[in-house]
């Protein structure tokens, strides 16, 4: 047993490297109970239908472009915090060749208000919908 102790002491911190992505935050039960869904389901106005393969391709591209555990660098540039929020980016997707979906992630023009931001914030992804992998990225 004492022979394995140094190995265990060194290996235990490595477990911290294997983190699972966080689950989405849910509202407390009291708040959820107060929410009322529309009686007719999803309203027609603003309704968007996204096919499953396209939704998954978007998710893969977004996870690569902006990983869930990405932190705002310190020291941060004042007024540039908007660049580090997922909701600051618009996503466009379209089927391309058979088994490939193109996903474009671009900074929304309204995301940072009047702040001057780089124009090249974004990327174009080619996602293989058969093997669920990123084929290529163009920055």
N, C-alpha and C. Protein backbone atom coordinates (compact mmCIF):
# COMPACT_ATOMS: atom_id res chain seq x y z
N UNK A 1 0.82 -1.20 0.00
CA UNK A 1 0.00 0.00 0.00
C UNK A 1 0.86 1.26 0.00
N UNK A 2 1.90 1.27 0.83
CA UNK A 2 2.74 2.47 0.90
C UNK A 2 3.48 2.71 -0.41
N UNK A 3 3.66 1.66 -1.19
CA UNK A 3 4.32 1.81 -2.48
C UNK A 3 3.42 2.61 -3.45
N UNK A 4 2.11 2.50 -3.33
CA UNK A 4 1.16 3.17 -4.21
C UNK A 4 0.81 4.58 -3.74
N UNK A 5 1.12 4.90 -2.52
CA UNK A 5 0.74 6.19 -1.95
C UNK A 5 1.28 7.38 -2.75
N UNK A 6 2.56 7.43 -3.13
CA UNK A 6 3.03 8.57 -3.94
C UNK A 6 2.29 8.69 -5.27
N UNK A 7 2.01 7.56 -5.90
CA UNK A 7 1.26 7.59 -7.16
C UNK A 7 -0.14 8.16 -6.95
N UNK A 8 -0.81 7.73 -5.92
CA UNK A 8 -2.16 8.22 -5.63
C UNK A 8 -2.15 9.70 -5.32
N UNK A 9 -1.16 10.15 -4.59
CA UNK A 9 -1.07 11.57 -4.25
C UNK A 9 -0.86 12.40 -5.52
N UNK A 10 -0.08 11.90 -6.45
CA UNK A 10 0.15 12.62 -7.71
C UNK A 10 -1.03 12.51 -8.67
N UNK A 11 -1.72 11.39 -8.66
CA UNK A 11 -2.81 11.16 -9.60
C UNK A 11 -4.10 11.86 -9.19
N UNK A 12 -4.33 12.03 -7.91
CA UNK A 12 -5.58 12.62 -7.44
C UNK A 12 -5.84 14.01 -8.00
N UNK A 13 -4.86 14.93 -8.00
CA UNK A 13 -5.13 16.25 -8.58
C UNK A 13 -5.48 16.19 -10.07
N UNK A 14 -5.01 15.17 -10.77
CA UNK A 14 -5.32 15.03 -12.20
C UNK A 14 -6.80 14.83 -12.43
N UNK A 15 -7.51 14.31 -11.44
CA UNK A 15 -8.96 14.12 -11.57
C UNK A 15 -9.67 15.45 -11.81
N UNK A 16 -9.10 16.53 -11.33
CA UNK A 16 -9.70 17.85 -11.52
C UNK A 16 -9.71 18.25 -12.99
N UNK A 17 -8.86 17.64 -13.81
CA UNK A 17 -8.82 17.97 -15.23
C UNK A 17 -10.00 17.40 -15.99
N UNK A 18 -10.66 16.40 -15.44
CA UNK A 18 -11.77 15.74 -16.11
C UNK A 18 -13.09 16.31 -15.62
N UNK A 19 -13.37 17.55 -16.00
CA UNK A 19 -14.60 18.20 -15.58
C UNK A 19 -15.67 18.00 -16.63
N UNK A 20 -16.87 17.78 -16.18
CA UNK A 20 -18.00 17.70 -17.10
C UNK A 20 -18.55 19.11 -17.30
N UNK A 21 -19.08 19.39 -18.47
CA UNK A 21 -19.68 20.71 -18.67
C UNK A 21 -20.81 20.91 -17.66
N UNK A 22 -20.99 22.14 -17.22
CA UNK A 22 -22.06 22.37 -16.24
C UNK A 22 -23.43 22.17 -16.86
N UNK A 23 -24.35 21.73 -16.05
CA UNK A 23 -25.74 21.60 -16.49
C UNK A 23 -26.36 23.00 -16.52
N UNK A 24 -27.35 23.22 -17.37
CA UNK A 24 -28.00 24.53 -17.38
C UNK A 24 -28.61 24.86 -16.02
N UNK A 25 -28.58 26.13 -15.67
CA UNK A 25 -29.15 26.58 -14.41
C UNK A 25 -30.67 26.59 -14.55
N UNK A 26 -31.35 26.03 -13.57
CA UNK A 26 -32.81 26.05 -13.54
C UNK A 26 -33.28 27.04 -12.49
N UNK A 27 -34.42 27.67 -12.75
CA UNK A 27 -35.01 28.58 -11.78
C UNK A 27 -35.43 27.79 -10.54
N UNK A 28 -35.48 28.45 -9.39
CA UNK A 28 -35.98 27.77 -8.20
C UNK A 28 -37.42 27.30 -8.42
N UNK A 29 -37.85 26.23 -7.74
CA UNK A 29 -39.20 25.69 -7.93
C UNK A 29 -40.31 26.72 -7.76
N UNK A 30 -40.13 27.65 -6.81
CA UNK A 30 -41.18 28.67 -6.60
C UNK A 30 -41.33 29.56 -7.83
N UNK A 31 -40.21 29.96 -8.41
CA UNK A 31 -40.26 30.80 -9.61
C UNK A 31 -40.80 30.02 -10.79
N UNK A 32 -40.38 28.78 -10.94
CA UNK A 32 -40.86 27.93 -12.03
C UNK A 32 -42.37 27.72 -11.93
N UNK A 33 -42.89 27.59 -10.72
CA UNK A 33 -44.33 27.38 -10.52
C UNK A 33 -45.13 28.60 -10.95
N UNK A 34 -44.55 29.79 -10.88
CA UNK A 34 -45.26 31.02 -11.26
C UNK A 34 -45.28 31.24 -12.77
N UNK A 35 -44.40 30.55 -13.50
CA UNK A 35 -44.35 30.75 -14.94
C UNK A 35 -45.51 30.03 -15.60
N UNK A 36 -46.19 30.72 -16.52
CA UNK A 36 -47.32 30.12 -17.24
C UNK A 36 -46.98 30.03 -18.73
N UNK A 37 -47.01 28.81 -19.25
CA UNK A 37 -46.82 28.63 -20.69
C UNK A 37 -48.08 29.10 -21.41
N UNK A 38 -47.94 29.59 -22.66
CA UNK A 38 -49.13 29.98 -23.42
C UNK A 38 -50.03 28.75 -23.64
N UNK A 39 -51.34 28.92 -23.56
CA UNK A 39 -52.24 27.78 -23.72
C UNK A 39 -52.16 27.13 -25.10
N UNK A 40 -51.72 27.89 -26.11
CA UNK A 40 -51.65 27.35 -27.47
C UNK A 40 -50.26 26.82 -27.82
N UNK A 41 -49.36 26.76 -26.87
CA UNK A 41 -48.00 26.29 -27.15
C UNK A 41 -47.11 27.44 -27.59
N UNK A 42 -46.17 27.16 -28.45
CA UNK A 42 -45.23 28.19 -28.90
C UNK A 42 -45.95 29.15 -29.85
N UNK A 43 -45.82 30.47 -29.62
CA UNK A 43 -46.47 31.44 -30.51
C UNK A 43 -45.88 31.38 -31.93
N UNK A 44 -46.71 31.65 -32.91
CA UNK A 44 -46.27 31.64 -34.31
C UNK A 44 -45.30 32.79 -34.59
N UNK A 45 -45.53 33.94 -33.96
CA UNK A 45 -44.68 35.10 -34.20
C UNK A 45 -43.28 34.83 -33.65
N UNK A 46 -42.29 34.97 -34.51
CA UNK A 46 -40.91 34.76 -34.10
C UNK A 46 -40.48 33.30 -34.06
N UNK A 47 -41.37 32.40 -34.43
CA UNK A 47 -41.08 30.97 -34.38
C UNK A 47 -40.02 30.60 -35.42
N UNK A 48 -39.02 29.83 -35.00
CA UNK A 48 -37.98 29.34 -35.90
C UNK A 48 -37.89 27.83 -35.73
N UNK A 49 -37.81 27.13 -36.82
CA UNK A 49 -37.62 25.69 -36.78
C UNK A 49 -36.19 25.39 -37.18
N UNK A 50 -35.48 24.68 -36.33
CA UNK A 50 -34.09 24.33 -36.61
C UNK A 50 -34.00 22.81 -36.62
N UNK A 51 -33.68 22.21 -37.77
CA UNK A 51 -33.56 20.76 -37.81
C UNK A 51 -32.52 20.26 -36.82
N UNK A 52 -32.71 19.06 -36.31
CA UNK A 52 -31.84 18.49 -35.29
C UNK A 52 -30.38 18.46 -35.66
N UNK A 53 -30.07 18.05 -36.91
CA UNK A 53 -28.66 17.98 -37.30
C UNK A 53 -28.03 19.36 -37.34
N UNK A 54 -28.81 20.37 -37.74
CA UNK A 54 -28.29 21.73 -37.78
C UNK A 54 -28.09 22.26 -36.36
N UNK A 55 -29.03 21.96 -35.46
CA UNK A 55 -28.90 22.39 -34.07
C UNK A 55 -27.64 21.80 -33.44
N UNK A 56 -27.39 20.53 -33.71
CA UNK A 56 -26.19 19.89 -33.15
C UNK A 56 -24.92 20.46 -33.76
N UNK A 57 -24.94 20.76 -35.06
CA UNK A 57 -23.78 21.37 -35.71
C UNK A 57 -23.49 22.74 -35.11
N UNK A 58 -24.53 23.51 -34.85
CA UNK A 58 -24.37 24.82 -34.21
C UNK A 58 -23.76 24.65 -32.83
N UNK A 59 -24.25 23.67 -32.08
CA UNK A 59 -23.73 23.44 -30.74
C UNK A 59 -22.24 23.08 -30.78
N UNK A 60 -21.84 22.20 -31.69
CA UNK A 60 -20.43 21.82 -31.82
C UNK A 60 -19.56 23.03 -32.15
N UNK A 61 -20.00 23.82 -33.12
CA UNK A 61 -19.22 24.99 -33.52
C UNK A 61 -19.11 25.99 -32.38
N UNK A 62 -20.21 26.23 -31.67
CA UNK A 62 -20.19 27.20 -30.57
C UNK A 62 -19.30 26.71 -29.43
N UNK A 63 -19.32 25.41 -29.15
CA UNK A 63 -18.46 24.87 -28.09
C UNK A 63 -16.99 25.04 -28.45
N UNK A 64 -16.65 24.94 -29.73
CA UNK A 64 -15.27 25.14 -30.15
C UNK A 64 -14.91 26.62 -30.14
N UNK A 65 -15.82 27.45 -30.65
CA UNK A 65 -15.56 28.89 -30.74
C UNK A 65 -15.51 29.53 -29.36
N UNK A 66 -16.45 29.16 -28.52
CA UNK A 66 -16.53 29.75 -27.18
C UNK A 66 -16.82 28.65 -26.17
N UNK A 67 -15.78 27.95 -25.70
CA UNK A 67 -15.99 26.84 -24.76
C UNK A 67 -16.72 27.28 -23.49
N UNK A 68 -17.47 26.37 -22.90
CA UNK A 68 -18.28 26.69 -21.72
C UNK A 68 -17.44 27.17 -20.55
N UNK A 69 -16.18 26.77 -20.47
CA UNK A 69 -15.36 27.16 -19.33
C UNK A 69 -14.40 28.31 -19.64
N UNK A 70 -14.62 29.00 -20.75
CA UNK A 70 -13.76 30.14 -21.12
C UNK A 70 -14.01 31.29 -20.15
N UNK A 71 -12.94 31.87 -19.69
CA UNK A 71 -13.02 32.98 -18.73
C UNK A 71 -12.59 34.28 -19.41
N UNK A 72 -13.10 35.39 -18.89
CA UNK A 72 -12.68 36.70 -19.37
C UNK A 72 -11.23 36.89 -18.93
N UNK A 73 -10.34 37.23 -19.87
CA UNK A 73 -8.94 37.39 -19.48
C UNK A 73 -8.75 38.56 -18.51
N UNK A 74 -7.78 38.42 -17.65
CA UNK A 74 -7.47 39.51 -16.72
C UNK A 74 -6.05 39.97 -17.01
N UNK A 75 -5.75 41.22 -17.12
CA UNK A 75 -6.73 42.29 -17.00
C UNK A 75 -7.55 42.40 -18.29
N UNK A 76 -8.82 42.67 -18.13
CA UNK A 76 -9.71 42.79 -19.28
C UNK A 76 -9.61 44.20 -19.86
N UNK A 77 -9.85 44.30 -21.14
CA UNK A 77 -9.89 45.61 -21.77
C UNK A 77 -11.23 46.25 -21.43
N UNK A 78 -11.23 47.46 -20.88
CA UNK A 78 -12.50 48.11 -20.54
C UNK A 78 -13.39 48.23 -21.78
N UNK A 79 -14.64 47.90 -21.62
CA UNK A 79 -15.60 47.99 -22.72
C UNK A 79 -15.59 46.79 -23.65
N UNK A 80 -14.69 45.84 -23.44
CA UNK A 80 -14.61 44.68 -24.32
C UNK A 80 -15.23 43.43 -23.69
N UNK A 81 -15.86 43.58 -22.54
CA UNK A 81 -16.48 42.43 -21.88
C UNK A 81 -17.53 41.78 -22.78
N UNK A 82 -18.12 42.57 -23.66
CA UNK A 82 -19.16 42.06 -24.56
C UNK A 82 -18.61 40.95 -25.47
N UNK A 83 -17.32 40.96 -25.72
CA UNK A 83 -16.72 39.94 -26.59
C UNK A 83 -16.68 38.57 -25.92
N UNK A 84 -16.88 38.54 -24.61
CA UNK A 84 -16.76 37.30 -23.86
C UNK A 84 -18.12 36.78 -23.39
N UNK A 85 -19.17 37.14 -24.10
CA UNK A 85 -20.51 36.62 -23.80
C UNK A 85 -21.04 35.91 -25.04
N UNK A 86 -21.51 34.70 -24.86
CA UNK A 86 -22.04 33.94 -26.01
C UNK A 86 -23.18 34.67 -26.70
N UNK A 87 -24.01 35.34 -25.93
CA UNK A 87 -25.17 36.00 -26.52
C UNK A 87 -24.78 37.21 -27.37
N UNK A 88 -23.51 37.57 -27.39
CA UNK A 88 -23.04 38.67 -28.23
C UNK A 88 -22.85 38.25 -29.69
N UNK A 89 -22.98 36.96 -29.95
CA UNK A 89 -22.70 36.43 -31.28
C UNK A 89 -23.97 35.94 -31.96
N UNK A 90 -24.09 36.25 -33.25
CA UNK A 90 -25.17 35.73 -34.07
C UNK A 90 -24.66 34.49 -34.80
N UNK A 91 -25.55 33.54 -35.03
CA UNK A 91 -25.18 32.29 -35.68
C UNK A 91 -26.03 32.10 -36.93
N UNK A 92 -25.36 31.75 -38.01
CA UNK A 92 -26.04 31.43 -39.27
C UNK A 92 -25.59 30.02 -39.66
N UNK A 93 -26.51 29.22 -40.13
CA UNK A 93 -26.16 27.85 -40.52
C UNK A 93 -26.92 27.46 -41.78
N UNK A 94 -26.27 26.63 -42.59
CA UNK A 94 -26.89 26.15 -43.83
C UNK A 94 -26.29 24.81 -44.21
N UNK A 95 -27.13 23.91 -44.77
CA UNK A 95 -26.57 22.67 -45.29
C UNK A 95 -25.65 23.00 -46.45
N UNK A 96 -24.58 22.23 -46.60
CA UNK A 96 -23.63 22.47 -47.68
C UNK A 96 -23.58 21.22 -48.54
N UNK A 97 -22.49 20.53 -48.56
CA UNK A 97 -22.42 19.27 -49.29
C UNK A 97 -23.09 18.20 -48.44
N UNK A 98 -23.32 17.04 -49.03
CA UNK A 98 -23.99 15.97 -48.30
C UNK A 98 -23.22 15.64 -47.03
N UNK A 99 -23.91 15.73 -45.90
CA UNK A 99 -23.29 15.40 -44.62
C UNK A 99 -22.47 16.52 -44.01
N UNK A 100 -22.58 17.74 -44.57
CA UNK A 100 -21.82 18.87 -44.04
C UNK A 100 -22.76 20.05 -43.82
N UNK A 101 -22.63 20.68 -42.67
CA UNK A 101 -23.37 21.91 -42.37
C UNK A 101 -22.34 23.00 -42.14
N UNK A 102 -22.54 24.16 -42.77
CA UNK A 102 -21.69 25.32 -42.54
C UNK A 102 -22.31 26.17 -41.45
N UNK A 103 -21.51 26.56 -40.48
CA UNK A 103 -21.98 27.37 -39.35
C UNK A 103 -21.10 28.61 -39.27
N UNK A 104 -21.73 29.77 -39.36
CA UNK A 104 -21.01 31.04 -39.26
C UNK A 104 -21.37 31.69 -37.93
N UNK A 105 -20.35 32.05 -37.17
CA UNK A 105 -20.53 32.72 -35.88
C UNK A 105 -19.91 34.10 -36.01
N UNK A 106 -20.72 35.15 -35.87
CA UNK A 106 -20.23 36.52 -36.05
C UNK A 106 -20.70 37.39 -34.88
N UNK A 107 -19.89 38.38 -34.56
CA UNK A 107 -20.25 39.31 -33.50
C UNK A 107 -21.44 40.14 -33.95
N UNK A 108 -22.47 40.18 -33.14
CA UNK A 108 -23.66 40.97 -33.46
C UNK A 108 -23.29 42.46 -33.46
N UNK A 109 -23.76 43.21 -34.45
CA UNK A 109 -23.42 44.64 -34.51
C UNK A 109 -23.88 45.41 -33.27
N UNK A 110 -24.94 44.96 -32.61
CA UNK A 110 -25.46 45.65 -31.44
C UNK A 110 -24.84 45.16 -30.13
N UNK A 111 -24.01 44.14 -30.17
CA UNK A 111 -23.53 43.49 -28.95
C UNK A 111 -22.73 44.40 -28.04
N UNK A 112 -21.92 45.26 -28.60
CA UNK A 112 -21.02 46.08 -27.78
C UNK A 112 -21.41 47.55 -27.78
N UNK A 113 -22.60 47.86 -28.26
CA UNK A 113 -23.05 49.24 -28.27
C UNK A 113 -22.16 50.11 -29.14
N UNK A 114 -21.76 51.25 -28.60
CA UNK A 114 -20.94 52.20 -29.35
C UNK A 114 -19.45 51.90 -29.24
N UNK A 115 -19.08 50.85 -28.51
CA UNK A 115 -17.67 50.50 -28.34
C UNK A 115 -17.05 50.08 -29.67
N UNK A 116 -15.82 50.49 -29.89
CA UNK A 116 -15.09 50.05 -31.08
C UNK A 116 -14.56 48.64 -30.83
N UNK A 117 -14.94 47.72 -31.70
CA UNK A 117 -14.50 46.33 -31.55
C UNK A 117 -13.93 45.85 -32.88
N UNK A 118 -13.11 44.82 -32.85
CA UNK A 118 -12.56 44.29 -34.11
C UNK A 118 -13.67 43.78 -35.03
N UNK A 119 -13.49 43.97 -36.32
CA UNK A 119 -14.47 43.50 -37.30
C UNK A 119 -14.36 42.01 -37.59
N UNK A 120 -13.23 41.42 -37.22
CA UNK A 120 -13.00 40.02 -37.59
C UNK A 120 -13.33 39.04 -36.46
N UNK A 121 -14.22 39.41 -35.58
CA UNK A 121 -14.60 38.53 -34.48
C UNK A 121 -15.61 37.52 -35.00
N UNK A 122 -15.20 36.30 -35.14
CA UNK A 122 -16.09 35.26 -35.60
C UNK A 122 -15.33 34.17 -36.32
N UNK A 123 -16.09 33.21 -36.82
CA UNK A 123 -15.48 32.09 -37.53
C UNK A 123 -16.53 31.39 -38.38
N UNK A 124 -16.05 30.68 -39.39
CA UNK A 124 -16.91 29.86 -40.24
C UNK A 124 -16.47 28.41 -40.05
N UNK A 125 -17.42 27.55 -39.71
CA UNK A 125 -17.14 26.14 -39.43
C UNK A 125 -17.78 25.25 -40.48
N UNK A 126 -17.07 24.20 -40.85
CA UNK A 126 -17.63 23.11 -41.65
C UNK A 126 -17.75 21.93 -40.69
N UNK A 127 -18.99 21.49 -40.45
CA UNK A 127 -19.24 20.42 -39.48
C UNK A 127 -19.74 19.18 -40.20
N UNK A 128 -19.07 18.07 -39.95
CA UNK A 128 -19.44 16.76 -40.50
C UNK A 128 -20.59 16.21 -39.66
N UNK A 129 -21.77 16.09 -40.26
CA UNK A 129 -22.94 15.62 -39.50
C UNK A 129 -23.05 14.10 -39.48
N UNK A 130 -22.11 13.42 -40.08
CA UNK A 130 -22.11 11.95 -39.99
C UNK A 130 -21.26 11.50 -38.80
N UNK A 131 -20.08 12.10 -38.66
CA UNK A 131 -19.18 11.73 -37.57
C UNK A 131 -19.20 12.72 -36.43
N UNK A 132 -19.97 13.79 -36.56
CA UNK A 132 -20.09 14.84 -35.57
C UNK A 132 -18.72 15.33 -35.14
N UNK A 133 -18.02 15.89 -36.15
CA UNK A 133 -16.71 16.46 -35.90
C UNK A 133 -16.56 17.71 -36.76
N UNK A 134 -15.66 18.56 -36.36
CA UNK A 134 -15.40 19.79 -37.10
C UNK A 134 -14.39 19.48 -38.20
N UNK A 135 -14.80 19.67 -39.46
CA UNK A 135 -13.92 19.40 -40.59
C UNK A 135 -12.89 20.50 -40.79
N UNK A 136 -13.34 21.75 -40.71
CA UNK A 136 -12.44 22.88 -40.96
C UNK A 136 -13.01 24.12 -40.30
N UNK A 137 -12.10 25.06 -40.00
CA UNK A 137 -12.48 26.34 -39.41
C UNK A 137 -11.78 27.44 -40.18
N UNK A 138 -12.53 28.49 -40.50
CA UNK A 138 -11.96 29.66 -41.17
C UNK A 138 -12.19 30.86 -40.26
N UNK A 139 -11.09 31.48 -39.83
CA UNK A 139 -11.22 32.66 -38.94
C UNK A 139 -11.12 33.93 -39.74
